C-alpha atoms as a PDB file:
ATOM      1  CA  MET A   1      -0.378   0.031  -0.253  1.00  0.00           C
ATOM      2  CA  ALA A   2       3.026   2.546   0.792  1.00  0.00           C
ATOM      3  CA  PHE A   3       4.531   1.667  -2.372  1.00  0.00           C
ATOM      4  CA  TYR A   4       1.367   3.066  -4.186  1.00  0.00           C
ATOM      5  CA  SER A   5       0.695   6.330  -1.903  1.00  0.00           C
ATOM      6  CA  TYR A   6       3.618   6.814  -3.516  1.00  0.00           C
ATOM      7  CA  ILE A   7       3.283   6.847  -6.973  1.00  0.00           C
ATOM      8  CA  PHE A   8      -0.338   8.439  -6.458  1.00  0.00           C
ATOM      9  CA  SER A   9       1.721  11.762  -5.026  1.00  0.00           C
ATOM     10  CA  ALA A  10       4.508  11.916  -7.476  1.00  0.00           C
ATOM     11  CA  ASN A  11       4.451  14.578  -9.193  1.00  0.00           C
ATOM     12  CA  TYR A  12       3.522  14.053 -12.463  1.00  0.00           C
ATOM     13  CA  THR A  13       3.856  17.985 -14.115  1.00  0.00           C
ATOM     14  CA  ARG A  14       7.568  17.213 -14.031  1.00  0.00           C
ATOM     15  CA  TYR A  15       7.588  13.403 -14.661  1.00  0.00           C
ATOM     16  CA  PHE A  16       5.675  13.723 -18.272  1.00  0.00           C
ATOM     17  CA  ASP A  17       8.109  16.826 -19.388  1.00  0.00           C
ATOM     18  CA  ASN A  18      11.048  14.587 -18.415  1.00  0.00           C
ATOM     19  CA  LEU A  19       9.129  11.964 -20.828  1.00  0.00           C
ATOM     20  CA  LYS A  20       8.837  14.381 -23.391  1.00  0.00           C
ATOM     21  CA  LYS A  21      12.745  15.203 -23.287  1.00  0.00           C
ATOM     22  CA  ILE A  22      13.000  11.318 -23.427  1.00  0.00           C
ATOM     23  CA  ALA A  23      10.679  11.086 -25.797  1.00  0.00           C
ATOM     24  CA  LYS A  24      12.488  13.561 -28.368  1.00  0.00           C
ATOM     25  CA  LYS A  25      15.537  12.304 -27.704  1.00  0.00           C
ATOM     26  CA  GLU A  26      14.917   8.841 -28.313  1.00  0.00           C
ATOM     27  CA  ASN A  27      12.613   9.545 -31.115  1.00  0.00           C
ATOM     28  CA  LYS A  28       9.877   7.278 -29.421  1.00  0.00           C
ATOM     29  CA  SER A  29       6.134   8.595 -29.008  1.00  0.00           C
ATOM     30  CA  PHE A  30       5.312  10.420 -26.252  1.00  0.00           C
ATOM     31  CA  ILE A  31       2.274   8.782 -25.685  1.00  0.00           C
ATOM     32  CA  LYS A  32       3.875   4.713 -26.241  1.00  0.00           C
ATOM     33  CA  LEU A  33       6.147   6.288 -23.306  1.00  0.00           C
ATOM     34  CA  VAL A  34       3.237   6.913 -20.733  1.00  0.00           C
ATOM     35  CA  LEU A  35       1.934   3.374 -21.051  1.00  0.00           C
ATOM     36  CA  ASP A  36       4.332   1.920 -20.359  1.00  0.00           C
ATOM     37  CA  THR A  37       5.301   4.221 -17.487  1.00  0.00           C
ATOM     38  CA  GLY A  38       2.028   2.612 -16.372  1.00  0.00           C
ATOM     39  CA  TYR A  39       2.658  -0.618 -17.151  1.00  0.00           C
ATOM     40  CA  CYS A  40       6.195  -0.590 -15.188  1.00  0.00           C
ATOM     41  CA  VAL A  41       4.790   0.529 -12.297  1.00  0.00           C
ATOM     42  CA  PHE A  42       1.472  -2.484 -12.170  1.00  0.00           C
ATOM     43  CA  ARG A  43       3.551  -4.999 -13.984  1.00  0.00           C
ATOM     44  CA  TYR A  44       6.846  -4.848 -12.232  1.00  0.00           C
ATOM     45  CA  GLY A  45       6.600  -2.621  -9.164  1.00  0.00           C
ATOM     46  CA  PHE A  46       8.403   0.521 -10.504  1.00  0.00           C
ATOM     47  CA  ALA A  47       8.146   4.275  -9.443  1.00  0.00           C
ATOM     48  CA  LEU A  48       8.726   6.974 -11.724  1.00  0.00           C
ATOM     49  CA  SER A  49      12.350   7.332 -11.021  1.00  0.00           C
ATOM     50  CA  ASP A  50      13.091   4.080 -11.637  1.00  0.00           C
ATOM     51  CA  TYR A  51      12.066   4.191 -15.003  1.00  0.00           C
ATOM     52  CA  LEU A  52      14.011   7.011 -15.567  1.00  0.00           C
ATOM     53  CA  ASN A  53      17.235   6.344 -13.806  1.00  0.00           C
ATOM     54  CA  TYR A  54      17.669   2.764 -15.685  1.00  0.00           C
ATOM     55  CA  LYS A  55      16.414   4.060 -18.581  1.00  0.00           C
ATOM     56  CA  LEU A  56      13.928   1.622 -19.042  1.00  0.00           C
ATOM     57  CA  TYR A  57      12.484   2.676 -21.894  1.00  0.00           C
ATOM     58  CA  ASN A  58      14.883   1.318 -23.837  1.00  0.00           C
ATOM     59  CA  LYS A  59      14.654  -2.211 -22.105  1.00  0.00           C
ATOM     60  CA  LYS A  60      12.796  -4.926 -22.354  1.00  0.00           C
ATOM     61  CA  GLY A  61      10.550  -7.396 -20.014  1.00  0.00           C
ATOM     62  CA  LYS A  62      13.524 -10.087 -19.919  1.00  0.00           C
ATOM     63  CA  GLU A  63      16.452  -6.831 -19.202  1.00  0.00           C
ATOM     64  CA  ARG A  64      13.290  -4.998 -16.613  1.00  0.00           C
ATOM     65  CA  LYS A  65      13.212  -8.636 -14.451  1.00  0.00           C
ATOM     66  CA  LYS A  66      16.866  -7.852 -14.037  1.00  0.00           C
ATOM     67  CA  TYR A  67      16.244  -4.887 -11.919  1.00  0.00           C
ATOM     68  CA  VAL A  68      15.011  -4.025  -7.992  1.00  0.00           C
ATOM     69  CA  SER A  69      12.197  -2.594  -8.343  1.00  0.00           C
ATOM     70  CA  THR A  70      10.770   0.159  -6.041  1.00  0.00           C
ATOM     71  CA  ARG A  71       7.626  -2.145  -4.951  1.00  0.00           C
ATOM     72  CA  THR A  72      10.703  -5.423  -4.969  1.00  0.00           C
ATOM     73  CA  GLU A  73      12.894  -3.305  -2.566  1.00  0.00           C
ATOM     74  CA  ASN A  74      10.182  -2.977   0.021  1.00  0.00           C
ATOM     75  CA  LYS A  75       9.601  -6.392   0.265  1.00  0.00           C
ATOM     76  CA  PHE A  76      13.353  -7.224   0.720  1.00  0.00           C
ATOM     77  CA  TYR A  77      13.982  -4.499   3.153  1.00  0.00           C
ATOM     78  CA  GLU A  78      10.728  -5.572   5.404  1.00  0.00           C
ATOM     79  CA  THR A  79      11.869  -9.126   5.320  1.00  0.00           C
ATOM     80  CA  VAL A  80      16.100  -8.762   5.951  1.00  0.00           C
ATOM     81  CA  SER A  81      15.701  -5.295   8.077  1.00  0.00           C
ATOM     82  CA  PRO A  82      12.767  -5.117   9.464  1.00  0.00           C
ATOM     83  CA  SER A  83      10.981  -1.320  10.561  1.00  0.00           C
ATOM     84  CA  ALA A  84      10.587  -2.501  13.993  1.00  0.00           C
ATOM     85  CA  TYR A  85      14.930  -2.442  14.652  1.00  0.00           C
ATOM     86  CA  LYS A  86      14.924   0.698  12.485  1.00  0.00           C
ATOM     87  CA  LYS A  87      15.488   3.528  15.875  1.00  0.00           C
ATOM     88  CA  ARG A  88      19.291   2.073  16.223  1.00  0.00           C
ATOM     89  CA  TYR A  89      20.227   3.207  12.695  1.00  0.00           C
ATOM     90  CA  THR A  90      17.696   6.096  11.963  1.00  0.00           C
ATOM     91  CA  ILE A  91      18.139   7.995  14.913  1.00  0.00           C
ATOM     92  CA  LYS A  92      22.250   9.483  14.242  1.00  0.00           C
ATOM     93  CA  PRO A  93      22.829  10.027  17.341  1.00  0.00           C
ATOM     94  CA  ASP A  94      21.584   6.690  18.575  1.00  0.00           C
ATOM     95  CA  PHE A  95      24.315   5.236  16.270  1.00  0.00           C
ATOM     96  CA  LEU A  96      26.823   7.342  17.079  1.00  0.00           C
ATOM     97  CA  ALA A  97      26.894   6.538  20.103  1.00  0.00           C
ATOM     98  CA  ASP A  98      25.930   2.541  19.667  1.00  0.00           C
ATOM     99  CA  PHE A  99      29.261   2.396  17.383  1.00  0.00           C
ATOM    100  CA  LYS A 100      31.485   4.470  18.642  1.00  0.00           C
ATOM    101  CA  GLU A 101      34.487   2.361  18.594  1.00  0.00           C
ATOM    102  CA  TYR A 102      33.702   2.578  14.672  1.00  0.00           C
ATOM    103  CA  THR A 103      32.111   6.582  14.460  1.00  0.00           C
ATOM    104  CA  LYS A 104      35.358   7.101  15.936  1.00  0.00           C
ATOM    105  CA  ARG A 105      34.617  10.876  16.307  1.00  0.00           C
ATOM    106  CA  ASP A 106      32.594  13.493  18.937  1.00  0.00           C
ATOM    107  CA  PHE A 107      29.097  14.732  18.865  1.00  0.00           C
ATOM    108  CA  CYS A 108      26.858  17.075  20.996  1.00  0.00           C
ATOM    109  CA  VAL A 109      22.886  16.697  21.166  1.00  0.00           C
ATOM    110  CA  PRO A 110      21.321  19.969  22.227  1.00  0.00           C
ATOM    111  CA  GLN A 111      19.348  19.504  25.341  1.00  0.00           C
ATOM    112  CA  GLU A 112      17.986  21.953  27.423  1.00  0.00           C
ATOM    113  CA  GLU A 113      19.519  20.631  30.650  1.00  0.00           C
ATOM    114  CA  LYS A 114      23.215  20.574  28.612  1.00  0.00           C
ATOM    115  CA  TYR A 115      23.849  24.035  27.345  1.00  0.00           C
ATOM    116  CA  GLN A 116      27.032  23.404  29.204  1.00  0.00           C
ATOM    117  CA  GLU A 117      27.988  20.822  27.238  1.00  0.00           C
ATOM    118  CA  PHE A 118      27.047  22.232  24.121  1.00  0.00           C
ATOM    119  CA  LEU A 119      29.590  25.493  24.771  1.00  0.00           C
ATOM    120  CA  ASP A 120      32.414  22.612  25.891  1.00  0.00           C
ATOM    121  CA  PHE A 121      31.872  21.435  22.323  1.00  0.00           C
ATOM    122  CA  LEU A 122      31.712  25.117  20.418  1.00  0.00           C
ATOM    123  CA  ASP A 123      35.183  25.608  22.658  1.00  0.00           C
ATOM    124  CA  LYS A 124      36.433  21.991  21.253  1.00  0.00           C
ATOM    125  CA  HIS A 125      35.779  22.496  17.389  1.00  0.00           C
ATOM    126  CA  GLU A 126      36.103  25.630  15.203  1.00  0.00           C
ATOM    127  CA  VAL A 127      34.307  24.005  12.124  1.00  0.00           C
ATOM    128  CA  PHE A 128      31.869  21.082  12.309  1.00  0.00           C
ATOM    129  CA  MET A 129      28.858  19.722  11.106  1.00  0.00           C
ATOM    130  CA  SER A 130      25.245  19.938  11.962  1.00  0.00           C
ATOM    131  CA  LYS A 131      22.856  17.492  10.980  1.00  0.00           C
ATOM    132  CA  PRO A 132      18.930  16.568  11.940  1.00  0.00           C
ATOM    133  CA  TYR A 133      18.266  13.719  13.730  1.00  0.00           C
ATOM    134  CA  ASP A 134      16.319  11.721  11.504  1.00  0.00           C
ATOM    135  CA  GLY A 135      17.392  13.508   7.485  1.00  0.00           C
ATOM    136  CA  LEU A 136      17.495  11.591   4.683  1.00  0.00           C
ATOM    137  CA  GLY A 137      20.422  11.867   1.562  1.00  0.00           C
ATOM    138  CA  GLY A 138      22.068  14.741   3.236  1.00  0.00           C
ATOM    139  CA  ALA A 139      19.139  16.951   3.159  1.00  0.00           C
ATOM    140  CA  ASP A 140      19.641  19.663   5.823  1.00  0.00           C
ATOM    141  CA  VAL A 141      23.708  18.676   6.283  1.00  0.00           C
ATOM    142  CA  LYS A 142      25.597  21.998   6.382  1.00  0.00           C
ATOM    143  CA  LYS A 143      29.477  22.449   6.963  1.00  0.00           C
ATOM    144  CA  GLU A 144      29.431  24.957  10.053  1.00  0.00           C
ATOM    145  CA  TYR A 145      32.394  27.164  11.627  1.00  0.00           C
ATOM    146  CA  THR A 146      32.035  28.222  15.332  1.00  0.00           C
ATOM    147  CA  LYS A 147      33.062  31.752  15.066  1.00  0.00           C
ATOM    148  CA  ASP A 148      30.113  32.522  12.465  1.00  0.00           C
ATOM    149  CA  ILE A 149      27.418  31.653  15.437  1.00  0.00           C
ATOM    150  CA  THR A 150      27.184  35.003  16.685  1.00  0.00           C
ATOM    151  CA  ASP A 151      24.615  34.122  19.307  1.00  0.00           C
ATOM    152  CA  LYS A 152      25.074  31.046  20.767  1.00  0.00           C
ATOM    153  CA  LYS A 153      22.214  30.779  23.164  1.00  0.00           C
ATOM    154  CA  GLU A 154      19.973  31.463  19.666  1.00  0.00           C
ATOM    155  CA  TYR A 155      21.606  28.442  17.778  1.00  0.00           C
ATOM    156  CA  PHE A 156      21.292  25.968  20.739  1.00  0.00           C
ATOM    157  CA  GLU A 157      17.564  26.502  20.723  1.00  0.00           C
ATOM    158  CA  ASN A 158      16.907  26.560  17.588  1.00  0.00           C
ATOM    159  CA  ALA A 159      18.731  22.646  17.373  1.00  0.00           C
ATOM    160  CA  ILE A 160      16.543  21.586  19.969  1.00  0.00           C
ATOM    161  CA  LYS A 161      13.708  23.547  18.506  1.00  0.00           C
ATOM    162  CA  ASN A 162      14.532  21.393  14.426  1.00  0.00           C
ATOM    163  CA  ARG A 163      16.041  18.502  16.443  1.00  0.00           C
ATOM    164  CA  ILE A 164      19.398  19.037  15.013  1.00  0.00           C
ATOM    165  CA  PHE A 165      22.614  17.723  16.575  1.00  0.00           C
ATOM    166  CA  LEU A 166      26.523  18.483  16.089  1.00  0.00           C
ATOM    167  CA  GLU A 167      29.134  15.923  15.042  1.00  0.00           C
ATOM    168  CA  GLU A 168      33.125  16.752  14.828  1.00  0.00           C
ATOM    169  CA  LEU A 169      34.390  17.240  11.445  1.00  0.00           C
ATOM    170  CA  VAL A 170      35.656  14.461   9.506  1.00  0.00           C
ATOM    171  CA  VAL A 171      39.408  15.020   8.295  1.00  0.00           C
ATOM    172  CA  GLN A 172      39.501  13.465   5.442  1.00  0.00           C
ATOM    173  CA  HIS A 173      42.829  11.094   4.114  1.00  0.00           C
ATOM    174  CA  PRO A 174      45.097  13.565   2.542  1.00  0.00           C
ATOM    175  CA  GLU A 175      44.281  10.652  -0.806  1.00  0.00           C
ATOM    176  CA  MET A 176      40.558  11.152  -1.119  1.00  0.00           C
ATOM    177  CA  ASN A 177      41.098  15.146  -1.172  1.00  0.00           C
ATOM    178  CA  LYS A 178      42.983  14.392  -4.084  1.00  0.00           C
ATOM    179  CA  LEU A 179      39.680  13.379  -5.805  1.00  0.00           C
ATOM    180  CA  CYS A 180      37.609  16.145  -4.305  1.00  0.00           C
ATOM    181  CA  ASP A 181      38.543  18.074  -0.866  1.00  0.00           C
ATOM    182  CA  LYS A 182      35.421  20.247  -0.755  1.00  0.00           C
ATOM    183  CA  SER A 183      32.914  17.084   0.406  1.00  0.00           C
ATOM    184  CA  VAL A 184      34.064  14.136   2.575  1.00  0.00           C
ATOM    185  CA  ASN A 185      34.121  11.289   0.150  1.00  0.00           C
ATOM    186  CA  THR A 186      32.389   7.695   1.472  1.00  0.00           C
ATOM    187  CA  MET A 187      32.071   4.504   0.176  1.00  0.00           C
ATOM    188  CA  ARG A 188      28.421   2.899   0.517  1.00  0.00           C
ATOM    189  CA  ILE A 189      29.237  -0.808   1.157  1.00  0.00           C
ATOM    190  CA  MET A 190      25.771  -2.710   1.961  1.00  0.00           C
ATOM    191  CA  THR A 191      27.054  -5.759   4.089  1.00  0.00           C
ATOM    192  CA  PHE A 192      24.583  -8.837   4.693  1.00  0.00           C
ATOM    193  CA  ASN A 193      25.084 -10.676   8.314  1.00  0.00           C
ATOM    194  CA  ASP A 194      24.270 -14.277   6.744  1.00  0.00           C
ATOM    195  CA  ASN A 195      23.646 -15.810   9.850  1.00  0.00           C
ATOM    196  CA  GLY A 196      26.525 -15.039  11.850  1.00  0.00           C
ATOM    197  CA  LYS A 197      29.187 -14.557   9.417  1.00  0.00           C
ATOM    198  CA  SER A 198      29.669 -11.336   7.096  1.00  0.00           C
ATOM    199  CA  ARG A 199      30.074 -10.168   4.131  1.00  0.00           C
ATOM    200  CA  ILE A 200      30.021  -7.508   1.118  1.00  0.00           C
ATOM    201  CA  ILE A 201      27.567  -7.403  -1.176  1.00  0.00           C
ATOM    202  CA  TRP A 202      28.371  -4.223  -3.267  1.00  0.00           C
ATOM    203  CA  MET A 203      30.815  -1.088  -2.454  1.00  0.00           C
ATOM    204  CA  GLY A 204      31.157   2.268  -4.756  1.00  0.00           C
ATOM    205  CA  LEU A 205      31.916   5.606  -3.747  1.00  0.00           C
ATOM    206  CA  ARG A 206      30.191   8.705  -4.058  1.00  0.00           C
ATOM    207  CA  VAL A 207      32.401  12.126  -5.133  1.00  0.00           C
ATOM    208  CA  GLY A 208      31.408  15.620  -4.632  1.00  0.00           C
ATOM    209  CA  ASN A 209      31.189  18.003  -7.033  1.00  0.00           C
ATOM    210  CA  GLY A 210      33.319  20.527  -6.014  1.00  0.00           C
ATOM    211  CA  ILE A 211      30.968  23.139  -5.147  1.00  0.00           C
ATOM    212  CA  ASN A 212      28.664  21.729  -2.139  1.00  0.00           C
ATOM    213  CA  SER A 213      29.967  20.645   0.834  1.00  0.00           C
ATOM    214  CA  ILE A 214      28.488  16.678   0.607  1.00  0.00           C
ATOM    215  CA  ASP A 215      28.879  13.746  -1.760  1.00  0.00           C
ATOM    216  CA  ASN A 216      25.429  12.681  -1.809  1.00  0.00           C
ATOM    217  CA  PHE A 217      24.250  11.286  -5.282  1.00  0.00           C
ATOM    218  CA  HIS A 218      20.980  13.415  -4.340  1.00  0.00           C
ATOM    219  CA  ALA A 219      22.645  16.523  -4.082  1.00  0.00           C
ATOM    220  CA  GLN A 220      24.412  17.057  -6.781  1.00  0.00           C
ATOM    221  CA  GLY A 221      27.120  14.259  -5.764  1.00  0.00           C
ATOM    222  CA  MET A 222      28.420  10.984  -8.325  1.00  0.00           C
ATOM    223  CA  ALA A 223      29.145   7.435  -8.389  1.00  0.00           C
ATOM    224  CA  VAL A 224      31.862   4.900  -9.257  1.00  0.00           C
ATOM    225  CA  ASN A 225      31.841   1.538  -8.820  1.00  0.00           C
ATOM    226  CA  ILE A 226      34.745   0.058  -6.508  1.00  0.00           C
ATOM    227  CA  ASP A 227      36.549  -3.261  -6.997  1.00  0.00           C
ATOM    228  CA  ILE A 228      35.949  -5.507  -4.297  1.00  0.00           C
ATOM    229  CA  ASN A 229      38.881  -7.528  -3.806  1.00  0.00           C
ATOM    230  CA  THR A 230      41.366  -4.123  -4.625  1.00  0.00           C
ATOM    231  CA  GLY A 231      39.835  -0.599  -3.458  1.00  0.00           C
ATOM    232  CA  LYS A 232      40.369   0.458  -6.821  1.00  0.00           C
ATOM    233  CA  LEU A 233      38.019   2.484  -8.673  1.00  0.00           C
ATOM    234  CA  VAL A 234      36.543   1.041 -11.943  1.00  0.00           C
ATOM    235  CA  GLY A 235      34.844   2.757 -14.677  1.00  0.00           C
ATOM    236  CA  ASN A 236      33.746   6.239 -15.034  1.00  0.00           C
ATOM    237  CA  ALA A 237      31.476   7.842 -12.725  1.00  0.00           C
ATOM    238  CA  ILE A 238      27.750   8.760 -13.285  1.00  0.00           C
ATOM    239  CA  ASP A 239      25.554  11.687 -12.036  1.00  0.00           C
ATOM    240  CA  LYS A 240      21.791  11.770 -10.456  1.00  0.00           C
ATOM    241  CA  ASP A 241      21.163  13.340 -14.241  1.00  0.00           C
ATOM    242  CA  LEU A 242      22.918  10.040 -15.726  1.00  0.00           C
ATOM    243  CA  ASN A 243      26.025  12.105 -16.708  1.00  0.00           C
ATOM    244  CA  GLU A 244      29.095   9.967 -17.242  1.00  0.00           C
ATOM    245  CA  TYR A 245      32.464  11.592 -15.995  1.00  0.00           C
ATOM    246  CA  SER A 246      35.916   9.844 -16.847  1.00  0.00           C
ATOM    247  CA  GLU A 247      37.910  12.031 -14.679  1.00  0.00           C
ATOM    248  CA  HIS A 248      36.422  15.086 -11.754  1.00  0.00           C
ATOM    249  CA  PRO A 249      34.712  18.214 -13.312  1.00  0.00           C
ATOM    250  CA  LEU A 250      36.837  20.330 -10.588  1.00  0.00           C
ATOM    251  CA  THR A 251      40.463  18.335 -10.169  1.00  0.00           C
ATOM    252  CA  HIS A 252      40.122  16.511 -13.146  1.00  0.00           C
ATOM    253  CA  VAL A 253      41.706  12.892 -10.665  1.00  0.00           C
ATOM    254  CA  LYS A 254      40.722  10.280 -13.170  1.00  0.00           C
ATOM    255  CA  PHE A 255      38.214   7.730 -11.484  1.00  0.00           C
ATOM    256  CA  ASP A 256      39.823   4.444 -12.938  1.00  0.00           C
ATOM    257  CA  GLY A 257      42.475   3.012 -11.319  1.00  0.00           C
ATOM    258  CA  PHE A 258      42.269   5.499  -8.348  1.00  0.00           C
ATOM    259  CA  GLN A 259      43.171   3.868  -5.419  1.00  0.00           C
ATOM    260  CA  ILE A 260      41.221   3.838  -2.019  1.00  0.00           C
ATOM    261  CA  PRO A 261      43.693   4.402   0.896  1.00  0.00           C
ATOM    262  CA  CYS A 262      43.043   1.617   3.670  1.00  0.00           C
ATOM    263  CA  PHE A 263      41.051   0.051   1.917  1.00  0.00           C
ATOM    264  CA  GLU A 264      41.327  -3.559   3.726  1.00  0.00           C
ATOM    265  CA  GLU A 265      40.995  -2.065   7.252  1.00  0.00           C
ATOM    266  CA  ALA A 266      37.528  -0.705   5.583  1.00  0.00           C
ATOM    267  CA  LYS A 267      36.848  -3.922   5.112  1.00  0.00           C
ATOM    268  CA  LYS A 268      37.165  -5.140   8.572  1.00  0.00           C
ATOM    269  CA  MET A 269      35.917  -2.934   9.766  1.00  0.00           C
ATOM    270  CA  VAL A 270      32.296  -3.007   7.901  1.00  0.00           C
ATOM    271  CA  LEU A 271      32.019  -6.664   8.689  1.00  0.00           C
ATOM    272  CA  GLU A 272      32.737  -6.517  11.996  1.00  0.00           C
ATOM    273  CA  ALA A 273      30.059  -3.660  12.768  1.00  0.00           C
ATOM    274  CA  SER A 274      27.376  -5.827  11.161  1.00  0.00           C
ATOM    275  CA  LEU A 275      27.940  -8.545  13.222  1.00  0.00           C
ATOM    276  CA  ARG A 276      26.009  -6.254  15.772  1.00  0.00           C
ATOM    277  CA  SER A 277      22.218  -6.878  14.962  1.00  0.00           C
ATOM    278  CA  ASP A 278      21.235 -10.089  14.317  1.00  0.00           C
ATOM    279  CA  LYS A 279      17.687  -8.004  13.224  1.00  0.00           C
ATOM    280  CA  ILE A 280      19.173  -5.616  10.483  1.00  0.00           C
ATOM    281  CA  LEU A 281      21.258  -7.775   8.098  1.00  0.00           C
ATOM    282  CA  VAL A 282      21.589  -6.186   5.734  1.00  0.00           C
ATOM    283  CA  VAL A 283      23.258  -2.383   5.741  1.00  0.00           C
ATOM    284  CA  GLY A 284      25.011   0.018   3.458  1.00  0.00           C
ATOM    285  CA  TRP A 285      27.293   1.148   5.167  1.00  0.00           C
ATOM    286  CA  ASP A 286      28.778   5.142   4.124  1.00  0.00           C
ATOM    287  CA  VAL A 287      32.545   4.600   5.330  1.00  0.00           C
ATOM    288  CA  ALA A 288      35.068   7.628   4.924  1.00  0.00           C
ATOM    289  CA  ILE A 289      38.800   7.201   4.795  1.00  0.00           C
ATOM    290  CA  SER A 290      39.688  10.004   7.739  1.00  0.00           C
ATOM    291  CA  LYS A 291      44.162  10.807   7.938  1.00  0.00           C
ATOM    292  CA  ASP A 292      43.909   8.348  10.500  1.00  0.00           C
ATOM    293  CA  GLY A 293      42.039   5.984   8.868  1.00  0.00           C
ATOM    294  CA  PRO A 294      38.687   4.870   7.838  1.00  0.00           C
ATOM    295  CA  VAL A 295      35.517   6.279   9.826  1.00  0.00           C
ATOM    296  CA  ILE A 296      31.845   4.669  10.252  1.00  0.00           C
ATOM    297  CA  ILE A 297      29.827   8.110   8.865  1.00  0.00           C
ATOM    298  CA  GLU A 298      26.342   6.225   8.846  1.00  0.00           C
ATOM    299  CA  GLY A 299      24.685   3.078   8.893  1.00  0.00           C
ATOM    300  CA  ASN A 300      21.547   2.721   6.599  1.00  0.00           C
ATOM    301  CA  ARG A 301      19.121   0.089   7.407  1.00  0.00           C
ATOM    302  CA  ARG A 302      17.298   0.371   3.752  1.00  0.00           C
ATOM    303  CA  PRO A 303      20.504   1.042   1.694  1.00  0.00           C
ATOM    304  CA  GLY A 304      18.466   2.052  -1.747  1.00  0.00           C
ATOM    305  CA  PHE A 305      19.192   0.225  -5.066  1.00  0.00           C
ATOM    306  CA  ASP A 306      19.083   3.032  -7.465  1.00  0.00           C
ATOM    307  CA  ILE A 307      22.529   4.108  -7.285  1.00  0.00           C
ATOM    308  CA  VAL A 308      23.562   0.043  -7.173  1.00  0.00           C
ATOM    309  CA  GLN A 309      21.828   0.025 -10.366  1.00  0.00           C
ATOM    310  CA  VAL A 310      22.295   2.461 -11.923  1.00  0.00           C
ATOM    311  CA  LEU A 311      26.534   2.000 -11.979  1.00  0.00           C
ATOM    312  CA  SER A 312      26.087  -1.705 -11.850  1.00  0.00           C
ATOM    313  CA  GLY A 313      23.045  -2.489 -14.338  1.00  0.00           C
ATOM    314  CA  GLY A 314      19.834  -4.463 -12.768  1.00  0.00           C
ATOM    315  CA  ARG A 315      21.019  -6.578  -9.409  1.00  0.00           C
ATOM    316  CA  MET A 316      17.926  -8.634  -8.380  1.00  0.00           C
ATOM    317  CA  ASP A 317      20.680 -11.070  -8.102  1.00  0.00           C
ATOM    318  CA  ILE A 318      21.769  -9.879  -4.862  1.00  0.00           C
ATOM    319  CA  VAL A 319      17.814  -9.708  -3.609  1.00  0.00           C
ATOM    320  CA  ASN A 320      17.509 -13.361  -5.133  1.00  0.00           C
ATOM    321  CA  ASP A 321      21.208 -14.296  -3.242  1.00  0.00           C
ATOM    322  CA  VAL A 322      20.431 -12.458   0.454  1.00  0.00           C
ATOM    323  CA  LEU A 323      16.569 -14.455   0.453  1.00  0.00           C
ATOM    324  CA  SER A 324      17.931 -17.406  -0.115  1.00  0.00           C
ATOM    325  CA  CYS A 325      20.305 -17.866   2.592  1.00  0.00           C
ATOM    326  CA  VAL A 326      18.037 -15.930   4.893  1.00  0.00           C
ATOM    327  CA  LYS A 327      15.363 -19.069   4.258  1.00  0.00           C
ATOM    328  CA  LYS A 328      17.997 -21.556   4.547  1.00  0.00           C
ATOM    329  CA  LYS A 329      17.824 -20.393   8.650  1.00  0.00           C
END
């Protein structure tokens, strides 16, 4: 039911505008694309964004079945990462506290009786990140400078009102700065806790565009595949509009073959962290490489398949593999 609520509340004006551009570019009938969209929604459970992101208008049934649709994704996560256990991952301050041996950084949650703790945090950190307790896709995440806070009491009260917490800034490894030093560029590593044995099922790197201070795919960042065995980037980077880049547009560092530092340490870290829960079996870890080594930024209970499939094509093989293992328990 949630899937169809999403479909019926979608921005169809914007979608049809995009579809008209595709019809013109691909020399296809706009009406046929509209009808095909409806077929993909009700036959396979694809969302409107799926139809565009995966270029389903150029794919037939056999190819379409290889893609994880939004409806399939929802069912998948209710099986392997039930919402009943989501708080540990969705409330970011709780996550930082619970996984502190992997997050490795200071944070402050402004509360009425803890004004002094807030002031102490500002005294320790000239620069920090402000984040909503439970935001998604990098929304409302900001890089803040303590010197710019002219009224600390007002800032404190607004943080309480808007459920904002403060987090120590991760200082990125010099090698990662070569790609883009305006944002902390993070690996998205998907793990599966397979009956007490963890394994990595996909990984990619998100890179900032050099303008925004975050690397999220939905904030004009770009993403590129990582070779799980070597830690080297593979192929071109792709952004949300499906533009491809062989090198970063500002730093001109080539993506293909770029070696991520401290890679084996990062793998070891997420494989350990994935065993911390026997209820949330699939997690998408956002991992940064700091100047002192890998740190976990956050764990995502429902890591989306959009980046995965834009980069790697249809990945129903991941879903089928995980579910077959779960059923054997």
